[in-house]
Amino acid sequence: MLALEALLAHFPNPHLVALGVERIHGRRLARALPFQMDKLRAELERELRLLRRHQPQRTR
């Protein structure tokens, strides 16, 4: 769970990544990238919510 939280905390800005991708791979791929990265982020956030929901409660 900590690894997933760290990944989401440092998830790159899709639009900045797309600018770099456009220079290397072309405009067509770069246009689709922000949507795909947003979709990936949403899936990772969903997995984290599920993990947190099923995590045993801590007792003090």
C-alpha atoms as a PDB file:
ATOM      1  CA  MET A   1       0.000   0.000   0.000  1.00  0.00           C
ATOM      2  CA  LEU A   2       2.869   2.407   0.760  1.00  0.00           C
ATOM      3  CA  ALA A   3       4.346   1.846  -2.688  1.00  0.00           C
ATOM      4  CA  LEU A   4       1.017   2.679  -4.323  1.00  0.00           C
ATOM      5  CA  GLU A   5       0.667   5.846  -2.208  1.00  0.00           C
ATOM      6  CA  ALA A   6       4.194   6.922  -3.169  1.00  0.00           C
ATOM      7  CA  LEU A   7       3.532   6.255  -6.848  1.00  0.00           C
ATOM      8  CA  LEU A   8       0.379   8.362  -6.802  1.00  0.00           C
ATOM      9  CA  ALA A   9       2.086  11.164  -4.865  1.00  0.00           C
ATOM     10  CA  HIS A  10       4.783  11.434  -7.527  1.00  0.00           C
ATOM     11  CA  PHE A  11       2.652  10.641 -10.567  1.00  0.00           C
ATOM     12  CA  PRO A  12       3.866  12.838 -13.430  1.00  0.00           C
ATOM     13  CA  ASN A  13       1.842  15.619 -14.992  1.00  0.00           C
ATOM     14  CA  PRO A  14       0.327  14.034 -18.143  1.00  0.00           C
ATOM     15  CA  HIS A  15       0.475  17.243 -20.166  1.00  0.00           C
ATOM     16  CA  LEU A  16       4.167  17.805 -19.478  1.00  0.00           C
ATOM     17  CA  VAL A  17       4.938  14.188 -20.342  1.00  0.00           C
ATOM     18  CA  ALA A  18       2.954  14.572 -23.571  1.00  0.00           C
ATOM     19  CA  LEU A  19       5.161  17.484 -24.625  1.00  0.00           C
ATOM     20  CA  GLY A  20       8.248  15.285 -24.337  1.00  0.00           C
ATOM     21  CA  VAL A  21       6.537  12.384 -26.083  1.00  0.00           C
ATOM     22  CA  GLU A  22       5.458  14.638 -28.952  1.00  0.00           C
ATOM     23  CA  ARG A  23       9.062  15.585 -29.662  1.00  0.00           C
ATOM     24  CA  ILE A  24      10.136  11.944 -29.808  1.00  0.00           C
ATOM     25  CA  HIS A  25       7.108   9.974 -31.055  1.00  0.00           C
ATOM     26  CA  GLY A  26       4.876  12.504 -32.782  1.00  0.00           C
ATOM     27  CA  ARG A  27       1.697  14.440 -32.176  1.00  0.00           C
ATOM     28  CA  ARG A  28      -0.784  11.576 -32.591  1.00  0.00           C
ATOM     29  CA  LEU A  29       0.618   9.558 -29.709  1.00  0.00           C
ATOM     30  CA  ALA A  30       1.086  12.663 -27.565  1.00  0.00           C
ATOM     31  CA  ARG A  31      -2.587  13.619 -27.939  1.00  0.00           C
ATOM     32  CA  ALA A  32      -3.755  10.273 -26.551  1.00  0.00           C
ATOM     33  CA  LEU A  33      -1.255  10.208 -23.688  1.00  0.00           C
ATOM     34  CA  PRO A  34      -2.963  12.565 -21.171  1.00  0.00           C
ATOM     35  CA  PHE A  35      -6.218  10.606 -21.434  1.00  0.00           C
ATOM     36  CA  GLN A  36      -4.436   7.286 -20.946  1.00  0.00           C
ATOM     37  CA  MET A  37      -2.421   8.607 -17.993  1.00  0.00           C
ATOM     38  CA  ASP A  38      -5.564  10.025 -16.357  1.00  0.00           C
ATOM     39  CA  LYS A  39      -7.211   6.640 -16.807  1.00  0.00           C
ATOM     40  CA  LEU A  40      -4.200   4.897 -15.247  1.00  0.00           C
ATOM     41  CA  ARG A  41      -4.189   7.329 -12.304  1.00  0.00           C
ATOM     42  CA  ALA A  42      -7.906   6.677 -11.720  1.00  0.00           C
ATOM     43  CA  GLU A  43      -7.312   2.916 -11.719  1.00  0.00           C
ATOM     44  CA  LEU A  44      -4.426   3.262  -9.250  1.00  0.00           C
ATOM     45  CA  GLU A  45      -6.527   5.477  -6.972  1.00  0.00           C
ATOM     46  CA  ARG A  46      -9.339   2.911  -7.112  1.00  0.00           C
ATOM     47  CA  GLU A  47      -6.947   0.134  -6.116  1.00  0.00           C
ATOM     48  CA  LEU A  48      -5.669   2.224  -3.217  1.00  0.00           C
ATOM     49  CA  ARG A  49      -9.234   2.865  -2.000  1.00  0.00           C
ATOM     50  CA  LEU A  50      -9.951  -0.869  -2.143  1.00  0.00           C
ATOM     51  CA  LEU A  51      -6.782  -1.662  -0.213  1.00  0.00           C
ATOM     52  CA  ARG A  52      -7.623   0.892   2.455  1.00  0.00           C
ATOM     53  CA  ARG A  53     -11.177  -0.401   2.750  1.00  0.00           C
ATOM     54  CA  HIS A  54     -10.010  -3.979   3.352  1.00  0.00           C
ATOM     55  CA  GLN A  55      -7.125  -3.076   5.647  1.00  0.00           C
ATOM     56  CA  PRO A  56      -7.576  -4.360   9.209  1.00  0.00           C
ATOM     57  CA  GLN A  57      -8.439  -1.650  11.738  1.00  0.00           C
ATOM     58  CA  ARG A  58      -5.613  -0.587  14.021  1.00  0.00           C
ATOM     59  CA  THR A  59      -6.130  -0.854  17.750  1.00  0.00           C
ATOM     60  CA  ARG A  60      -4.411   1.436  20.215  1.00  0.00           C
END
